[in-house]
Amino acid sequence: MRRRKNASYYILSFFNFIFKIYITIIRGTPTVVQLLICYFMIFSS
């Protein structure tokens, strides 16, 4: 796809980047910290 660089290339690259960041953050931080962030920050209400 890099040789063509059409719309599919940029869309796939974008979502791959998003998911790569997501996986890196989740796997690199403790589960309990993620739970606390969700409870006290994201869904504090």
All heavy atoms as atom14 arrays in JSON, in Angstrom:
{
  "sequence": "MRRRKNASYYILSFFNFIFKIYITIIRGTPTVVQLLICYFMIFSS",
  "atom14_mask": [
    [1, 1, 1, 1, 1, 1, 1, 1, 0, 0, 0, 0, 0, 0],
    [1, 1, 1, 1, 1, 1, 1, 1, 1, 1, 1, 0, 0, 0],
    [1, 1, 1, 1, 1, 1, 1, 1, 1, 1, 1, 0, 0, 0],
    [1, 1, 1, 1, 1, 1, 1, 1, 1, 1, 1, 0, 0, 0],
    [1, 1, 1, 1, 1, 1, 1, 1, 1, 0, 0, 0, 0, 0],
    [1, 1, 1, 1, 1, 1, 1, 1, 0, 0, 0, 0, 0, 0],
    [1, 1, 1, 1, 1, 0, 0, 0, 0, 0, 0, 0, 0, 0],
    [1, 1, 1, 1, 1, 1, 0, 0, 0, 0, 0, 0, 0, 0],
    [1, 1, 1, 1, 1, 1, 1, 1, 1, 1, 1, 1, 0, 0],
    [1, 1, 1, 1, 1, 1, 1, 1, 1, 1, 1, 1, 0, 0],
    [1, 1, 1, 1, 1, 1, 1, 1, 0, 0, 0, 0, 0, 0],
    [1, 1, 1, 1, 1, 1, 1, 1, 0, 0, 0, 0, 0, 0],
    [1, 1, 1, 1, 1, 1, 0, 0, 0, 0, 0, 0, 0, 0],
    [1, 1, 1, 1, 1, 1, 1, 1, 1, 1, 1, 0, 0, 0],
    [1, 1, 1, 1, 1, 1, 1, 1, 1, 1, 1, 0, 0, 0],
    [1, 1, 1, 1, 1, 1, 1, 1, 0, 0, 0, 0, 0, 0],
    [1, 1, 1, 1, 1, 1, 1, 1, 1, 1, 1, 0, 0, 0],
    [1, 1, 1, 1, 1, 1, 1, 1, 0, 0, 0, 0, 0, 0],
    [1, 1, 1, 1, 1, 1, 1, 1, 1, 1, 1, 0, 0, 0],
    [1, 1, 1, 1, 1, 1, 1, 1, 1, 0, 0, 0, 0, 0],
    [1, 1, 1, 1, 1, 1, 1, 1, 0, 0, 0, 0, 0, 0],
    [1, 1, 1, 1, 1, 1, 1, 1, 1, 1, 1, 1, 0, 0],
    [1, 1, 1, 1, 1, 1, 1, 1, 0, 0, 0, 0, 0, 0],
    [1, 1, 1, 1, 1, 1, 1, 0, 0, 0, 0, 0, 0, 0],
    [1, 1, 1, 1, 1, 1, 1, 1, 0, 0, 0, 0, 0, 0],
    [1, 1, 1, 1, 1, 1, 1, 1, 0, 0, 0, 0, 0, 0],
    [1, 1, 1, 1, 1, 1, 1, 1, 1, 1, 1, 0, 0, 0],
    [1, 1, 1, 1, 0, 0, 0, 0, 0, 0, 0, 0, 0, 0],
    [1, 1, 1, 1, 1, 1, 1, 0, 0, 0, 0, 0, 0, 0],
    [1, 1, 1, 1, 1, 1, 1, 0, 0, 0, 0, 0, 0, 0],
    [1, 1, 1, 1, 1, 1, 1, 0, 0, 0, 0, 0, 0, 0],
    [1, 1, 1, 1, 1, 1, 1, 0, 0, 0, 0, 0, 0, 0],
    [1, 1, 1, 1, 1, 1, 1, 0, 0, 0, 0, 0, 0, 0],
    [1, 1, 1, 1, 1, 1, 1, 1, 1, 0, 0, 0, 0, 0],
    [1, 1, 1, 1, 1, 1, 1, 1, 0, 0, 0, 0, 0, 0],
    [1, 1, 1, 1, 1, 1, 1, 1, 0, 0, 0, 0, 0, 0],
    [1, 1, 1, 1, 1, 1, 1, 1, 0, 0, 0, 0, 0, 0],
    [1, 1, 1, 1, 1, 1, 0, 0, 0, 0, 0, 0, 0, 0],
    [1, 1, 1, 1, 1, 1, 1, 1, 1, 1, 1, 1, 0, 0],
    [1, 1, 1, 1, 1, 1, 1, 1, 1, 1, 1, 0, 0, 0],
    [1, 1, 1, 1, 1, 1, 1, 1, 0, 0, 0, 0, 0, 0],
    [1, 1, 1, 1, 1, 1, 1, 1, 0, 0, 0, 0, 0, 0],
    [1, 1, 1, 1, 1, 1, 1, 1, 1, 1, 1, 0, 0, 0],
    [1, 1, 1, 1, 1, 1, 0, 0, 0, 0, 0, 0, 0, 0],
    [1, 1, 1, 1, 1, 1, 0, 0, 0, 0, 0, 0, 0, 0]
  ],
  "atom14_positions": [
    [[0.82, -1.22, 0.0], [0.0, 0.0, 0.0], [0.85, 1.27, 0.0], [0.43, 2.3, -0.5], [-0.94, 0.0, 1.21], [-1.95, -1.13, 1.21], [-2.98, -1.16, 2.7], [-3.91, 0.35, 2.48], [0.0, 0.0, 0.0], [0.0, 0.0, 0.0], [0.0, 0.0, 0.0], [0.0, 0.0, 0.0], [0.0, 0.0, 0.0], [0.0, 0.0, 0.0]],
    [[2.08, 1.18, 0.56], [2.94, 2.36, 0.61], [3.32, 2.82, -0.8], [3.51, 4.02, -1.04], [4.19, 2.05, 1.43], [5.1, 3.27, 1.62], [6.3, 2.95, 2.5], [5.92, 2.85, 3.89], [6.11, 1.78, 4.65], [6.66, 0.69, 4.12], [5.76, 1.77, 5.92], [0.0, 0.0, 0.0], [0.0, 0.0, 0.0], [0.0, 0.0, 0.0]],
    [[3.43, 1.88, -1.72], [3.79, 2.25, -3.09], [2.67, 3.04, -3.77], [2.92, 3.88, -4.62], [4.13, 1.0, -3.9], [5.42, 0.3, -3.43], [5.86, -0.75, -4.42], [4.91, -1.86, -4.49], [5.0, -2.97, -3.76], [6.0, -3.11, -2.89], [4.11, -3.94, -3.88], [0.0, 0.0, 0.0], [0.0, 0.0, 0.0], [0.0, 0.0, 0.0]],
    [[1.45, 2.75, -3.38], [0.32, 3.45, -4.0], [-0.05, 4.72, -3.24], [-0.41, 5.73, -3.84], [-0.9, 2.51, -4.03], [-0.66, 1.23, -4.82], [-1.9, 0.34, -4.75], [-1.69, -0.93, -5.45], [-2.6, -1.9, -5.5], [-3.76, -1.75, -4.87], [-2.34, -3.03, -6.14], [0.0, 0.0, 0.0], [0.0, 0.0, 0.0], [0.0, 0.0, 0.0]],
    [[0.01, 4.66, -1.93], [-0.31, 5.79, -1.06], [-1.67, 6.41, -1.4], [-1.79, 7.61, -1.61], [0.79, 6.85, -1.12], [2.06, 6.43, -0.39], [3.0, 7.58, -0.18], [4.19, 7.15, 0.67], [5.14, 8.24, 0.92], [0.0, 0.0, 0.0], [0.0, 0.0, 0.0], [0.0, 0.0, 0.0], [0.0, 0.0, 0.0], [0.0, 0.0, 0.0]],
    [[-2.67, 5.53, -1.46], [-4.03, 6.02, -1.68], [-4.71, 6.28, -0.33], [-4.08, 6.24, 0.72], [-4.83, 5.01, -2.52], [-4.76, 3.61, -1.92], [-4.41, 3.44, -0.75], [-5.09, 2.62, -2.72], [0.0, 0.0, 0.0], [0.0, 0.0, 0.0], [0.0, 0.0, 0.0], [0.0, 0.0, 0.0], [0.0, 0.0, 0.0], [0.0, 0.0, 0.0]],
    [[-6.0, 6.52, -0.36], [-6.74, 6.83, 0.87], [-6.7, 5.67, 1.86], [-6.6, 5.89, 3.08], [-8.19, 7.18, 0.53], [0.0, 0.0, 0.0], [0.0, 0.0, 0.0], [0.0, 0.0, 0.0], [0.0, 0.0, 0.0], [0.0, 0.0, 0.0], [0.0, 0.0, 0.0], [0.0, 0.0, 0.0], [0.0, 0.0, 0.0], [0.0, 0.0, 0.0]],
    [[-6.75, 4.44, 1.36], [-6.71, 3.27, 2.24], [-5.42, 3.21, 3.04], [-5.41, 2.81, 4.22], [-6.87, 1.98, 1.41], [-8.11, 1.98, 0.73], [0.0, 0.0, 0.0], [0.0, 0.0, 0.0], [0.0, 0.0, 0.0], [0.0, 0.0, 0.0], [0.0, 0.0, 0.0], [0.0, 0.0, 0.0], [0.0, 0.0, 0.0], [0.0, 0.0, 0.0]],
    [[-4.33, 3.62, 2.42], [-3.03, 3.62, 3.09], [-3.05, 4.56, 4.3], [-2.62, 4.18, 5.4], [-1.94, 4.03, 2.1], [-0.63, 4.41, 2.75], [0.24, 3.43, 3.21], [-0.28, 5.75, 2.92], [1.44, 3.77, 3.81], [0.91, 6.1, 3.52], [1.77, 5.12, 3.97], [2.96, 5.45, 4.57], [0.0, 0.0, 0.0], [0.0, 0.0, 0.0]],
    [[-3.56, 5.75, 4.13], [-3.56, 6.72, 5.21], [-4.56, 6.34, 6.31], [-4.29, 6.53, 7.51], [-3.88, 8.11, 4.67], [-2.78, 8.65, 3.77], [-2.93, 8.67, 2.39], [-1.59, 9.12, 4.32], [-1.92, 9.16, 1.56], [-0.57, 9.61, 3.5], [-0.74, 9.62, 2.13], [0.26, 10.09, 1.32], [0.0, 0.0, 0.0], [0.0, 0.0, 0.0]],
    [[-5.71, 5.8, 5.91], [-6.71, 5.37, 6.9], [-6.16, 4.23, 7.75], [-6.25, 4.24, 8.99], [-8.02, 4.96, 6.21], [-8.68, 6.17, 5.56], [-8.97, 4.3, 7.2], [-9.9, 5.82, 4.72], [0.0, 0.0, 0.0], [0.0, 0.0, 0.0], [0.0, 0.0, 0.0], [0.0, 0.0, 0.0], [0.0, 0.0, 0.0], [0.0, 0.0, 0.0]],
    [[-5.58, 3.22, 7.07], [-5.03, 2.08, 7.8], [-3.88, 2.49, 8.69], [-3.77, 2.03, 9.83], [-4.58, 1.01, 6.8], [-4.09, -0.31, 7.41], [-5.2, -0.96, 8.23], [-3.62, -1.26, 6.3], [0.0, 0.0, 0.0], [0.0, 0.0, 0.0], [0.0, 0.0, 0.0], [0.0, 0.0, 0.0], [0.0, 0.0, 0.0], [0.0, 0.0, 0.0]],
    [[-3.02, 3.38, 8.2], [-1.89, 3.86, 9.0], [-2.36, 4.61, 10.24], [-1.79, 4.46, 11.32], [-0.99, 4.76, 8.15], [-0.44, 4.05, 7.06], [0.0, 0.0, 0.0], [0.0, 0.0, 0.0], [0.0, 0.0, 0.0], [0.0, 0.0, 0.0], [0.0, 0.0, 0.0], [0.0, 0.0, 0.0], [0.0, 0.0, 0.0], [0.0, 0.0, 0.0]],
    [[-3.41, 5.41, 10.07], [-3.94, 6.18, 11.19], [-4.48, 5.26, 12.29], [-4.12, 5.4, 13.47], [-5.04, 7.13, 10.7], [-5.78, 7.81, 11.82], [-5.21, 8.88, 12.5], [-7.05, 7.38, 12.19], [-5.9, 9.51, 13.53], [-7.73, 8.0, 13.22], [-7.16, 9.07, 13.89], [0.0, 0.0, 0.0], [0.0, 0.0, 0.0], [0.0, 0.0, 0.0]],
    [[-5.33, 4.32, 11.9], [-5.92, 3.43, 12.9], [-4.87, 2.49, 13.5], [-4.94, 2.16, 14.7], [-7.07, 2.63, 12.3], [-8.34, 3.41, 12.17], [-8.77, 3.85, 10.93], [-9.08, 3.72, 13.29], [-9.93, 4.59, 10.81], [-10.26, 4.46, 13.18], [-10.68, 4.9, 11.94], [0.0, 0.0, 0.0], [0.0, 0.0, 0.0], [0.0, 0.0, 0.0]],
    [[-3.9, 2.07, 12.71], [-2.82, 1.26, 13.27], [-2.04, 2.03, 14.33], [-1.68, 1.49, 15.37], [-1.88, 0.82, 12.14], [-0.69, 0.04, 12.67], [-0.81, -1.11, 13.09], [0.48, 0.66, 12.66], [0.0, 0.0, 0.0], [0.0, 0.0, 0.0], [0.0, 0.0, 0.0], [0.0, 0.0, 0.0], [0.0, 0.0, 0.0], [0.0, 0.0, 0.0]],
    [[-1.8, 3.31, 14.07], [-1.09, 4.16, 15.03], [-1.9, 4.3, 16.32], [-1.35, 4.19, 17.42], [-0.83, 5.54, 14.41], [-0.22, 6.53, 15.36], [1.12, 6.47, 15.69], [-1.0, 7.52, 15.94], [1.68, 7.38, 16.57], [-0.46, 8.44, 16.82], [0.89, 8.36, 17.15], [0.0, 0.0, 0.0], [0.0, 0.0, 0.0], [0.0, 0.0, 0.0]],
    [[-3.2, 4.53, 16.18], [-4.07, 4.68, 17.36], [-4.06, 3.41, 18.2], [-3.89, 3.45, 19.43], [-5.5, 5.03, 16.94], [-5.55, 6.41, 16.27], [-6.44, 4.98, 18.15], [-5.14, 7.55, 17.17], [0.0, 0.0, 0.0], [0.0, 0.0, 0.0], [0.0, 0.0, 0.0], [0.0, 0.0, 0.0], [0.0, 0.0, 0.0], [0.0, 0.0, 0.0]],
    [[-4.24, 2.26, 17.54], [-4.29, 1.0, 18.28], [-2.92, 0.64, 18.87], [-2.85, 0.03, 19.95], [-4.78, -0.13, 17.37], [-6.27, -0.09, 17.12], [-6.78, -0.13, 15.83], [-7.16, -0.02, 18.18], [-8.14, -0.1, 15.6], [-8.53, 0.02, 17.96], [-9.02, -0.03, 16.67], [0.0, 0.0, 0.0], [0.0, 0.0, 0.0], [0.0, 0.0, 0.0]],
    [[-1.86, 1.01, 18.19], [-0.53, 0.74, 18.71], [-0.28, 1.53, 19.99], [0.27, 1.0, 20.96], [0.53, 1.08, 17.65], [1.93, 0.61, 18.0], [2.88, 0.84, 16.84], [4.28, 0.33, 17.19], [5.22, 0.51, 16.05], [0.0, 0.0, 0.0], [0.0, 0.0, 0.0], [0.0, 0.0, 0.0], [0.0, 0.0, 0.0], [0.0, 0.0, 0.0]],
    [[-0.69, 2.8, 20.0], [-0.56, 3.63, 21.2], [-1.41, 3.05, 22.33], [-0.97, 2.96, 23.49], [-0.98, 5.08, 20.92], [0.01, 5.73, 19.93], [-1.05, 5.89, 22.21], [1.42, 5.85, 20.46], [0.0, 0.0, 0.0], [0.0, 0.0, 0.0], [0.0, 0.0, 0.0], [0.0, 0.0, 0.0], [0.0, 0.0, 0.0], [0.0, 0.0, 0.0]],
    [[-2.64, 2.68, 22.0], [-3.55, 2.09, 22.99], [-2.96, 0.83, 23.62], [-2.93, 0.68, 24.86], [-4.89, 1.79, 22.33], [-5.69, 0.69, 22.95], [-6.28, 0.83, 24.21], [-5.88, -0.52, 22.27], [-7.01, -0.19, 24.78], [-6.61, -1.54, 22.83], [-7.18, -1.38, 24.09], [-7.91, -2.39, 24.65], [0.0, 0.0, 0.0], [0.0, 0.0, 0.0]],
    [[-2.45, -0.06, 22.8], [-1.88, -1.31, 23.31], [-0.64, -1.04, 24.15], [-0.44, -1.66, 25.21], [-1.56, -2.26, 22.13], [-2.86, -2.74, 21.48], [-0.73, -3.45, 22.6], [-2.66, -3.48, 20.17], [0.0, 0.0, 0.0], [0.0, 0.0, 0.0], [0.0, 0.0, 0.0], [0.0, 0.0, 0.0], [0.0, 0.0, 0.0], [0.0, 0.0, 0.0]],
    [[0.19, -0.11, 23.71], [1.4, 0.22, 24.45], [1.07, 0.77, 25.83], [1.69, 0.36, 26.84], [2.25, 1.24, 23.67], [2.62, 0.68, 22.4], [3.51, 1.59, 24.44], [0.0, 0.0, 0.0], [0.0, 0.0, 0.0], [0.0, 0.0, 0.0], [0.0, 0.0, 0.0], [0.0, 0.0, 0.0], [0.0, 0.0, 0.0], [0.0, 0.0, 0.0]],
    [[0.11, 1.68, 25.91], [-0.26, 2.29, 27.19], [-0.88, 1.25, 28.13], [-0.52, 1.16, 29.31], [-1.21, 3.46, 26.97], [-0.49, 4.61, 26.25], [-1.79, 3.95, 28.3], [-1.4, 5.76, 25.87], [0.0, 0.0, 0.0], [0.0, 0.0, 0.0], [0.0, 0.0, 0.0], [0.0, 0.0, 0.0], [0.0, 0.0, 0.0], [0.0, 0.0, 0.0]],
    [[-1.8, 0.47, 27.61], [-2.51, -0.5, 28.45], [-1.56, -1.58, 28.96], [-1.57, -1.93, 30.16], [-3.68, -1.15, 27.68], [-4.76, -0.11, 27.36], [-4.28, -2.3, 28.48], [-5.4, 0.52, 28.57], [0.0, 0.0, 0.0], [0.0, 0.0, 0.0], [0.0, 0.0, 0.0], [0.0, 0.0, 0.0], [0.0, 0.0, 0.0], [0.0, 0.0, 0.0]],
    [[-0.7, -2.09, 28.1], [0.21, -3.15, 28.52], [1.36, -2.61, 29.38], [2.0, -3.38, 30.09], [0.77, -3.87, 27.29], [-0.29, -4.6, 26.47], [0.31, -5.24, 25.25], [1.17, -6.37, 25.6], [1.96, -7.0, 24.73], [2.0, -6.58, 23.48], [2.69, -8.01, 25.12], [0.0, 0.0, 0.0], [0.0, 0.0, 0.0], [0.0, 0.0, 0.0]],
    [[1.59, -1.31, 29.32], [2.71, -0.74, 30.05], [2.36, -0.12, 31.39], [3.24, 0.37, 32.09], [0.0, 0.0, 0.0], [0.0, 0.0, 0.0], [0.0, 0.0, 0.0], [0.0, 0.0, 0.0], [0.0, 0.0, 0.0], [0.0, 0.0, 0.0], [0.0, 0.0, 0.0], [0.0, 0.0, 0.0], [0.0, 0.0, 0.0], [0.0, 0.0, 0.0]],
    [[1.07, -0.16, 31.76], [0.65, 0.41, 33.04], [-0.11, -0.63, 33.85], [-0.78, -1.5, 33.28], [-0.24, 1.65, 32.83], [-1.37, 1.28, 32.0], [0.53, 2.76, 32.15], [0.0, 0.0, 0.0], [0.0, 0.0, 0.0], [0.0, 0.0, 0.0], [0.0, 0.0, 0.0], [0.0, 0.0, 0.0], [0.0, 0.0, 0.0], [0.0, 0.0, 0.0]],
    [[-0.05, -0.56, 35.19], [-0.74, -1.54, 36.03], [-2.27, -1.47, 35.86], [-2.84, -0.4, 35.69], [-0.33, -1.15, 37.45], [0.91, -0.34, 37.28], [0.76, 0.38, 35.98], [0.0, 0.0, 0.0], [0.0, 0.0, 0.0], [0.0, 0.0, 0.0], [0.0, 0.0, 0.0], [0.0, 0.0, 0.0], [0.0, 0.0, 0.0], [0.0, 0.0, 0.0]],
    [[-2.9, -2.63, 35.95], [-4.35, -2.7, 35.82], [-5.05, -1.88, 36.9], [-6.05, -1.21, 36.63], [-4.82, -4.16, 35.89], [-4.09, -4.94, 34.95], [-6.3, -4.26, 35.58], [0.0, 0.0, 0.0], [0.0, 0.0, 0.0], [0.0, 0.0, 0.0], [0.0, 0.0, 0.0], [0.0, 0.0, 0.0], [0.0, 0.0, 0.0], [0.0, 0.0, 0.0]],
    [[-4.52, -1.93, 38.11], [-5.16, -1.21, 39.2], [-5.12, 0.3, 38.96], [-6.08, 1.02, 39.3], [-4.52, -1.57, 40.55], [-3.06, -1.11, 40.62], [-5.31, -0.98, 41.71], [0.0, 0.0, 0.0], [0.0, 0.0, 0.0], [0.0, 0.0, 0.0], [0.0, 0.0, 0.0], [0.0, 0.0, 0.0], [0.0, 0.0, 0.0], [0.0, 0.0, 0.0]],
    [[-4.04, 0.79, 38.36], [-3.96, 2.23, 38.05], [-4.99, 2.58, 36.98], [-5.64, 3.64, 37.06], [-2.53, 2.6, 37.58], [-2.47, 4.05, 37.14], [-1.53, 2.35, 38.7], [0.0, 0.0, 0.0], [0.0, 0.0, 0.0], [0.0, 0.0, 0.0], [0.0, 0.0, 0.0], [0.0, 0.0, 0.0], [0.0, 0.0, 0.0], [0.0, 0.0, 0.0]],
    [[-5.16, 1.73, 35.99], [-6.17, 1.96, 34.95], [-7.57, 2.0, 35.56], [-8.4, 2.84, 35.19], [-6.08, 0.87, 33.88], [-4.75, 0.84, 33.14], [-4.56, -0.44, 32.37], [-5.52, -1.17, 32.1], [-3.32, -0.75, 32.01], [0.0, 0.0, 0.0], [0.0, 0.0, 0.0], [0.0, 0.0, 0.0], [0.0, 0.0, 0.0], [0.0, 0.0, 0.0]],
    [[-7.82, 1.1, 36.5], [-9.12, 1.07, 37.17], [-9.36, 2.35, 37.95], [-10.45, 2.94, 37.89], [-9.19, -0.14, 38.1], [-10.46, -0.29, 38.94], [-11.69, -0.47, 38.05], [-10.32, -1.47, 39.91], [0.0, 0.0, 0.0], [0.0, 0.0, 0.0], [0.0, 0.0, 0.0], [0.0, 0.0, 0.0], [0.0, 0.0, 0.0], [0.0, 0.0, 0.0]],
    [[-8.35, 2.81, 38.67], [-8.48, 4.04, 39.46], [-8.68, 5.26, 38.57], [-9.46, 6.16, 38.89], [-7.24, 4.22, 40.34], [-7.05, 3.19, 41.46], [-5.72, 3.39, 42.14], [-8.2, 3.26, 42.46], [0.0, 0.0, 0.0], [0.0, 0.0, 0.0], [0.0, 0.0, 0.0], [0.0, 0.0, 0.0], [0.0, 0.0, 0.0], [0.0, 0.0, 0.0]],
    [[-7.98, 5.31, 37.43], [-8.15, 6.42, 36.5], [-9.58, 6.45, 35.95], [-10.22, 7.51, 35.87], [-7.13, 6.33, 35.35], [-5.71, 6.64, 35.87], [-7.49, 7.28, 34.21], [-4.63, 6.43, 34.84], [0.0, 0.0, 0.0], [0.0, 0.0, 0.0], [0.0, 0.0, 0.0], [0.0, 0.0, 0.0], [0.0, 0.0, 0.0], [0.0, 0.0, 0.0]],
    [[-10.09, 5.27, 35.59], [-11.45, 5.21, 35.06], [-12.47, 5.64, 36.11], [-13.42, 6.37, 35.8], [-11.76, 3.78, 34.59], [-10.94, 3.3, 33.06], [0.0, 0.0, 0.0], [0.0, 0.0, 0.0], [0.0, 0.0, 0.0], [0.0, 0.0, 0.0], [0.0, 0.0, 0.0], [0.0, 0.0, 0.0], [0.0, 0.0, 0.0], [0.0, 0.0, 0.0]],
    [[-12.25, 5.23, 37.35], [-13.25, 5.5, 38.39], [-13.19, 6.93, 38.91], [-14.23, 7.59, 39.08], [-13.05, 4.51, 39.55], [-14.13, 4.6, 40.61], [-15.37, 4.01, 40.42], [-13.91, 5.29, 41.8], [-16.36, 4.1, 41.38], [-14.89, 5.38, 42.77], [-16.11, 4.78, 42.56], [-17.1, 4.88, 43.51], [0.0, 0.0, 0.0], [0.0, 0.0, 0.0]],
    [[-11.98, 7.43, 39.16], [-11.83, 8.75, 39.78], [-11.65, 9.89, 38.79], [-11.78, 11.06, 39.17], [-10.65, 8.74, 40.75], [-10.89, 7.91, 41.98], [-10.21, 6.71, 42.17], [-11.81, 8.31, 42.93], [-10.43, 5.94, 43.3], [-12.04, 7.53, 44.07], [-11.35, 6.34, 44.24], [0.0, 0.0, 0.0], [0.0, 0.0, 0.0], [0.0, 0.0, 0.0]],
    [[-11.36, 9.57, 37.52], [-11.14, 10.63, 36.53], [-12.16, 10.59, 35.4], [-12.91, 11.54, 35.19], [-9.71, 10.52, 35.97], [-8.62, 10.79, 37.01], [-6.96, 10.53, 36.37], [-6.91, 11.71, 35.03], [0.0, 0.0, 0.0], [0.0, 0.0, 0.0], [0.0, 0.0, 0.0], [0.0, 0.0, 0.0], [0.0, 0.0, 0.0], [0.0, 0.0, 0.0]],
    [[-12.21, 9.48, 34.67], [-13.06, 9.42, 33.49], [-14.54, 9.36, 33.86], [-15.38, 10.07, 33.27], [-12.68, 8.21, 32.61], [-11.22, 8.32, 32.17], [-13.6, 8.12, 31.39], [-10.73, 7.14, 31.37], [0.0, 0.0, 0.0], [0.0, 0.0, 0.0], [0.0, 0.0, 0.0], [0.0, 0.0, 0.0], [0.0, 0.0, 0.0], [0.0, 0.0, 0.0]],
    [[-14.89, 8.51, 34.84], [-16.28, 8.35, 35.24], [-16.48, 8.79, 36.69], [-17.15, 8.11, 37.47], [-16.72, 6.89, 35.07], [-16.59, 6.37, 33.67], [-15.55, 5.52, 33.32], [-17.49, 6.74, 32.69], [-15.43, 5.03, 32.04], [-17.38, 6.26, 31.4], [-16.34, 5.4, 31.06], [0.0, 0.0, 0.0], [0.0, 0.0, 0.0], [0.0, 0.0, 0.0]],
    [[-15.91, 9.91, 37.05], [-15.94, 10.37, 38.44], [-17.36, 10.68, 38.93], [-17.62, 10.67, 40.13], [-15.06, 11.61, 38.6], [-15.49, 12.65, 37.74], [0.0, 0.0, 0.0], [0.0, 0.0, 0.0], [0.0, 0.0, 0.0], [0.0, 0.0, 0.0], [0.0, 0.0, 0.0], [0.0, 0.0, 0.0], [0.0, 0.0, 0.0], [0.0, 0.0, 0.0]],
    [[-18.27, 10.97, 38.01], [-19.64, 11.31, 38.41], [-20.51, 10.08, 38.62], [-21.64, 10.19, 39.1], [-20.29, 12.22, 37.36], [-20.37, 11.57, 36.11], [0.0, 0.0, 0.0], [0.0, 0.0, 0.0], [0.0, 0.0, 0.0], [0.0, 0.0, 0.0], [0.0, 0.0, 0.0], [0.0, 0.0, 0.0], [0.0, 0.0, 0.0], [0.0, 0.0, 0.0]]
  ]
}
